[in-house]
Structure formats: C-alpha cells, structure tokens
Amino acid sequence: TDRHVRGTGDVNGDGHADVVGIGD
C-alpha cells in the first residue's frame, strides 16, 4: 500500500468494473 496503487474502474467500456493496479 505504501508503493502501489490499486482500485477499480471500467477501462474497456463493457459496463463491468475492472481491477487496476499500478505497481513497480
């Protein structure tokens, strides 16, 4: 949690929330 960002959003536009993680 102190290095990486994680959350949800509809990245591909299909109406389903996707999981997005910004890691190393």
PDB file of all heavy atoms in Angstrom:
ATOM      1  N   THR A   1       0.815  -1.215   0.000  1.00  0.00           N
ATOM      2  CA  THR A   1       0.000   0.000   0.000  1.00  0.00           C
ATOM      3  C   THR A   1       0.848   1.265   0.000  1.00  0.00           C
ATOM      4  O   THR A   1       0.385   2.318  -0.436  1.00  0.00           O
ATOM      5  CB  THR A   1      -0.933   0.018   1.225  1.00  0.00           C
ATOM      6  OG1 THR A   1      -0.171  -0.173   2.418  1.00  0.00           O
ATOM      7  CG2 THR A   1      -1.980  -1.076   1.113  1.00  0.00           C
ATOM      8  N   ASP A   2       2.082   1.201   0.496  1.00  0.00           N
ATOM      9  CA  ASP A   2       2.929   2.391   0.518  1.00  0.00           C
ATOM     10  C   ASP A   2       3.698   2.588  -0.787  1.00  0.00           C
ATOM     11  O   ASP A   2       4.386   3.600  -0.948  1.00  0.00           O
ATOM     12  CB  ASP A   2       3.900   2.340   1.696  1.00  0.00           C
ATOM     13  CG  ASP A   2       4.836   1.139   1.632  1.00  0.00           C
ATOM     14  OD1 ASP A   2       4.546   0.180   0.886  1.00  0.00           O
ATOM     15  OD2 ASP A   2       5.870   1.152   2.330  1.00  0.00           O
ATOM     16  N   ARG A   3       3.572   1.644  -1.733  1.00  0.00           N
ATOM     17  CA  ARG A   3       4.294   1.741  -3.005  1.00  0.00           C
ATOM     18  C   ARG A   3       3.383   1.691  -4.223  1.00  0.00           C
ATOM     19  O   ARG A   3       3.697   2.296  -5.260  1.00  0.00           O
ATOM     20  CB  ARG A   3       5.307   0.577  -3.129  1.00  0.00           C
ATOM     21  CG  ARG A   3       6.507   0.692  -2.250  1.00  0.00           C
ATOM     22  CD  ARG A   3       7.337  -0.594  -2.314  1.00  0.00           C
ATOM     23  NE  ARG A   3       7.819  -0.894  -3.645  1.00  0.00           N
ATOM     24  CZ  ARG A   3       8.973  -0.450  -4.150  1.00  0.00           C
ATOM     25  NH1 ARG A   3       9.746   0.346  -3.422  1.00  0.00           N
ATOM     26  NH2 ARG A   3       9.353  -0.785  -5.372  1.00  0.00           N
ATOM     27  N   HIS A   4       2.262   1.007  -4.093  1.00  0.00           N
ATOM     28  CA  HIS A   4       1.459   0.690  -5.261  1.00  0.00           C
ATOM     29  C   HIS A   4       0.018   1.164  -5.089  1.00  0.00           C
ATOM     30  O   HIS A   4      -0.515   1.155  -3.983  1.00  0.00           O
ATOM     31  CB  HIS A   4       1.472  -0.819  -5.507  1.00  0.00           C
ATOM     32  CG  HIS A   4       2.845  -1.409  -5.519  1.00  0.00           C
ATOM     33  ND1 HIS A   4       3.210  -2.478  -4.735  1.00  0.00           N
ATOM     34  CD2 HIS A   4       3.959  -1.048  -6.205  1.00  0.00           C
ATOM     35  CE1 HIS A   4       4.487  -2.774  -4.957  1.00  0.00           C
ATOM     36  NE2 HIS A   4       4.958  -1.917  -5.835  1.00  0.00           N
ATOM     37  N   VAL A   5      -0.604   1.510  -6.194  1.00  0.00           N
ATOM     38  CA  VAL A   5      -1.988   1.975  -6.209  1.00  0.00           C
ATOM     39  C   VAL A   5      -2.872   0.886  -6.806  1.00  0.00           C
ATOM     40  O   VAL A   5      -2.543   0.313  -7.852  1.00  0.00           O
ATOM     41  CB  VAL A   5      -2.115   3.267  -7.037  1.00  0.00           C
ATOM     42  CG1 VAL A   5      -3.563   3.736  -7.064  1.00  0.00           C
ATOM     43  CG2 VAL A   5      -1.229   4.359  -6.468  1.00  0.00           C
ATOM     44  N   ARG A   6      -3.982   0.575  -6.138  1.00  0.00           N
ATOM     45  CA  ARG A   6      -4.930  -0.411  -6.644  1.00  0.00           C
ATOM     46  C   ARG A   6      -6.354   0.100  -6.478  1.00  0.00           C
ATOM     47  O   ARG A   6      -6.662   0.773  -5.499  1.00  0.00           O
ATOM     48  CB  ARG A   6      -4.776  -1.741  -5.886  1.00  0.00           C
ATOM     49  CG  ARG A   6      -3.516  -2.507  -6.220  1.00  0.00           C
ATOM     50  CD  ARG A   6      -3.184  -3.527  -5.154  1.00  0.00           C
ATOM     51  NE  ARG A   6      -2.764  -2.893  -3.906  1.00  0.00           N
ATOM     52  CZ  ARG A   6      -2.493  -3.563  -2.787  1.00  0.00           C
ATOM     53  NH1 ARG A   6      -2.626  -4.878  -2.767  1.00  0.00           N
ATOM     54  NH2 ARG A   6      -2.106  -2.915  -1.711  1.00  0.00           N
ATOM     55  N   GLY A   7      -7.200  -0.251  -7.426  1.00  0.00           N
ATOM     56  CA  GLY A   7      -8.589   0.167  -7.357  1.00  0.00           C
ATOM     57  C   GLY A   7      -9.374  -0.392  -8.522  1.00  0.00           C
ATOM     58  O   GLY A   7      -8.944  -1.335  -9.187  1.00  0.00           O
ATOM     59  N   THR A   8     -10.545   0.187  -8.789  1.00  0.00           N
ATOM     60  CA  THR A   8     -11.428  -0.338  -9.821  1.00  0.00           C
ATOM     61  C   THR A   8     -11.953   0.780 -10.714  1.00  0.00           C
ATOM     62  O   THR A   8     -12.101   1.922 -10.293  1.00  0.00           O
ATOM     63  CB  THR A   8     -12.634  -1.066  -9.202  1.00  0.00           C
ATOM     64  OG1 THR A   8     -13.354  -0.154  -8.368  1.00  0.00           O
ATOM     65  CG2 THR A   8     -12.189  -2.265  -8.382  1.00  0.00           C
ATOM     66  N   GLY A   9     -12.245   0.423 -11.955  1.00  0.00           N
ATOM     67  CA  GLY A   9     -12.854   1.323 -12.922  1.00  0.00           C
ATOM     68  C   GLY A   9     -13.125   0.557 -14.202  1.00  0.00           C
ATOM     69  O   GLY A   9     -12.563  -0.522 -14.428  1.00  0.00           O
ATOM     70  N   ASP A  10     -13.976   1.082 -15.046  1.00  0.00           N
ATOM     71  CA  ASP A  10     -14.322   0.412 -16.298  1.00  0.00           C
ATOM     72  C   ASP A  10     -13.365   0.887 -17.391  1.00  0.00           C
ATOM     73  O   ASP A  10     -13.606   1.885 -18.071  1.00  0.00           O
ATOM     74  CB  ASP A  10     -15.768   0.710 -16.670  1.00  0.00           C
ATOM     75  CG  ASP A  10     -16.245  -0.110 -17.858  1.00  0.00           C
ATOM     76  OD1 ASP A  10     -15.446  -0.913 -18.394  1.00  0.00           O
ATOM     77  OD2 ASP A  10     -17.409   0.059 -18.258  1.00  0.00           O
ATOM     78  N   VAL A  11     -12.283   0.154 -17.574  1.00  0.00           N
ATOM     79  CA  VAL A  11     -11.249   0.567 -18.519  1.00  0.00           C
ATOM     80  C   VAL A  11     -11.602   0.190 -19.951  1.00  0.00           C
ATOM     81  O   VAL A  11     -11.251   0.908 -20.889  1.00  0.00           O
ATOM     82  CB  VAL A  11      -9.886  -0.041 -18.112  1.00  0.00           C
ATOM     83  CG1 VAL A  11      -8.795   0.341 -19.112  1.00  0.00           C
ATOM     84  CG2 VAL A  11      -9.498   0.433 -16.718  1.00  0.00           C
ATOM     85  N   ASN A  12     -12.302  -0.920 -20.155  1.00  0.00           N
ATOM     86  CA  ASN A  12     -12.614  -1.351 -21.523  1.00  0.00           C
ATOM     87  C   ASN A  12     -14.036  -1.003 -21.964  1.00  0.00           C
ATOM     88  O   ASN A  12     -14.456  -1.360 -23.068  1.00  0.00           O
ATOM     89  CB  ASN A  12     -12.370  -2.854 -21.688  1.00  0.00           C
ATOM     90  CG  ASN A  12     -13.262  -3.697 -20.781  1.00  0.00           C
ATOM     91  OD1 ASN A  12     -13.968  -3.166 -19.915  1.00  0.00           O
ATOM     92  ND2 ASN A  12     -13.230  -5.001 -20.971  1.00  0.00           N
ATOM     93  N   GLY A  13     -14.801  -0.330 -21.109  1.00  0.00           N
ATOM     94  CA  GLY A  13     -16.102   0.198 -21.509  1.00  0.00           C
ATOM     95  C   GLY A  13     -17.197  -0.817 -21.695  1.00  0.00           C
ATOM     96  O   GLY A  13     -18.176  -0.550 -22.404  1.00  0.00           O
ATOM     97  N   ASP A  14     -17.112  -1.973 -21.024  1.00  0.00           N
ATOM     98  CA  ASP A  14     -18.144  -3.003 -21.190  1.00  0.00           C
ATOM     99  C   ASP A  14     -19.176  -2.988 -20.071  1.00  0.00           C
ATOM    100  O   ASP A  14     -20.024  -3.883 -20.001  1.00  0.00           O
ATOM    101  CB  ASP A  14     -17.499  -4.386 -21.284  1.00  0.00           C
ATOM    102  CG  ASP A  14     -16.786  -4.798 -20.002  1.00  0.00           C
ATOM    103  OD1 ASP A  14     -16.684  -3.970 -19.072  1.00  0.00           O
ATOM    104  OD2 ASP A  14     -16.314  -5.954 -19.935  1.00  0.00           O
ATOM    105  N   GLY A  15     -19.118  -2.004 -19.193  1.00  0.00           N
ATOM    106  CA  GLY A  15     -20.089  -1.911 -18.106  1.00  0.00           C
ATOM    107  C   GLY A  15     -19.718  -2.680 -16.865  1.00  0.00           C
ATOM    108  O   GLY A  15     -20.476  -2.672 -15.892  1.00  0.00           O
ATOM    109  N   HIS A  16     -18.574  -3.340 -16.867  1.00  0.00           N
ATOM    110  CA  HIS A  16     -18.087  -4.085 -15.710  1.00  0.00           C
ATOM    111  C   HIS A  16     -16.873  -3.373 -15.121  1.00  0.00           C
ATOM    112  O   HIS A  16     -15.979  -2.935 -15.860  1.00  0.00           O
ATOM    113  CB  HIS A  16     -17.670  -5.512 -16.101  1.00  0.00           C
ATOM    114  CG  HIS A  16     -18.774  -6.312 -16.709  1.00  0.00           C
ATOM    115  ND1 HIS A  16     -19.656  -7.052 -15.969  1.00  0.00           N
ATOM    116  CD2 HIS A  16     -19.146  -6.478 -18.001  1.00  0.00           C
ATOM    117  CE1 HIS A  16     -20.520  -7.649 -16.766  1.00  0.00           C
ATOM    118  NE2 HIS A  16     -20.239  -7.316 -18.010  1.00  0.00           N
ATOM    119  N   ALA A  17     -16.841  -3.256 -13.804  1.00  0.00           N
ATOM    120  CA  ALA A  17     -15.668  -2.674 -13.158  1.00  0.00           C
ATOM    121  C   ALA A  17     -14.483  -3.617 -13.300  1.00  0.00           C
ATOM    122  O   ALA A  17     -14.598  -4.824 -13.059  1.00  0.00           O
ATOM    123  CB  ALA A  17     -15.946  -2.399 -11.688  1.00  0.00           C
ATOM    124  N   ASP A  18     -13.364  -3.086 -13.704  1.00  0.00           N
ATOM    125  CA  ASP A  18     -12.123  -3.828 -13.826  1.00  0.00           C
ATOM    126  C   ASP A  18     -11.207  -3.474 -12.667  1.00  0.00           C
ATOM    127  O   ASP A  18     -11.370  -2.436 -12.021  1.00  0.00           O
ATOM    128  CB  ASP A  18     -11.430  -3.485 -15.154  1.00  0.00           C
ATOM    129  CG  ASP A  18     -12.374  -3.579 -16.341  1.00  0.00           C
ATOM    130  OD1 ASP A  18     -12.994  -4.647 -16.502  1.00  0.00           O
ATOM    131  OD2 ASP A  18     -12.495  -2.590 -17.087  1.00  0.00           O
ATOM    132  N   VAL A  19     -10.245  -4.335 -12.397  1.00  0.00           N
ATOM    133  CA  VAL A  19      -9.260  -4.062 -11.363  1.00  0.00           C
ATOM    134  C   VAL A  19      -8.013  -3.475 -12.010  1.00  0.00           C
ATOM    135  O   VAL A  19      -7.486  -4.030 -12.990  1.00  0.00           O
ATOM    136  CB  VAL A  19      -8.904  -5.331 -10.569  1.00  0.00           C
ATOM    137  CG1 VAL A  19      -7.693  -5.087  -9.672  1.00  0.00           C
ATOM    138  CG2 VAL A  19     -10.093  -5.776  -9.728  1.00  0.00           C
ATOM    139  N   VAL A  20      -7.558  -2.357 -11.487  1.00  0.00           N
ATOM    140  CA  VAL A  20      -6.370  -1.670 -11.986  1.00  0.00           C
ATOM    141  C   VAL A  20      -5.347  -1.602 -10.866  1.00  0.00           C
ATOM    142  O   VAL A  20      -5.655  -1.169  -9.757  1.00  0.00           O
ATOM    143  CB  VAL A  20      -6.703  -0.245 -12.473  1.00  0.00           C
ATOM    144  CG1 VAL A  20      -5.444   0.465 -12.956  1.00  0.00           C
ATOM    145  CG2 VAL A  20      -7.748  -0.291 -13.573  1.00  0.00           C
ATOM    146  N   GLY A  21      -4.148  -2.031 -11.162  1.00  0.00           N
ATOM    147  CA  GLY A  21      -3.063  -1.938 -10.205  1.00  0.00           C
ATOM    148  C   GLY A  21      -1.868  -1.262 -10.834  1.00  0.00           C
ATOM    149  O   GLY A  21      -1.444  -1.624 -11.943  1.00  0.00           O
ATOM    150  N   ILE A  22      -1.345  -0.255 -10.173  1.00  0.00           N
ATOM    151  CA  ILE A  22      -0.151   0.427 -10.667  1.00  0.00           C
ATOM    152  C   ILE A  22       1.001   0.010  -9.763  1.00  0.00           C
ATOM    153  O   ILE A  22       1.104   0.449  -8.619  1.00  0.00           O
ATOM    154  CB  ILE A  22      -0.338   1.945 -10.686  1.00  0.00           C
ATOM    155  CG1 ILE A  22      -1.591   2.300 -11.499  1.00  0.00           C
ATOM    156  CG2 ILE A  22       0.893   2.626 -11.273  1.00  0.00           C
ATOM    157  CD1 ILE A  22      -1.883   3.786 -11.574  1.00  0.00           C
ATOM    158  N   GLY A  23       1.836  -0.865 -10.267  1.00  0.00           N
ATOM    159  CA  GLY A  23       2.873  -1.491  -9.470  1.00  0.00           C
ATOM    160  C   GLY A  23       4.259  -0.989  -9.780  1.00  0.00           C
ATOM    161  O   GLY A  23       4.451   0.163 -10.183  1.00  0.00           O
ATOM    162  N   ASP A  24       5.246  -1.862  -9.630  1.00  0.00           N
ATOM    163  CA  ASP A  24       6.622  -1.478  -9.875  1.00  0.00           C
ATOM    164  C   ASP A  24       6.877  -1.195 -11.348  1.00  0.00           C
ATOM    165  O   ASP A  24       7.504  -0.203 -11.709  1.00  0.00           O
ATOM    166  CB  ASP A  24       7.574  -2.582  -9.397  1.00  0.00           C
ATOM    167  CG  ASP A  24       7.654  -2.654  -7.879  1.00  0.00           C
ATOM    168  OD1 ASP A  24       7.487  -1.609  -7.236  1.00  0.00           O
ATOM    169  OD2 ASP A  24       7.868  -3.753  -7.351  1.00  0.00           O
TER     170      ASP A  24
END
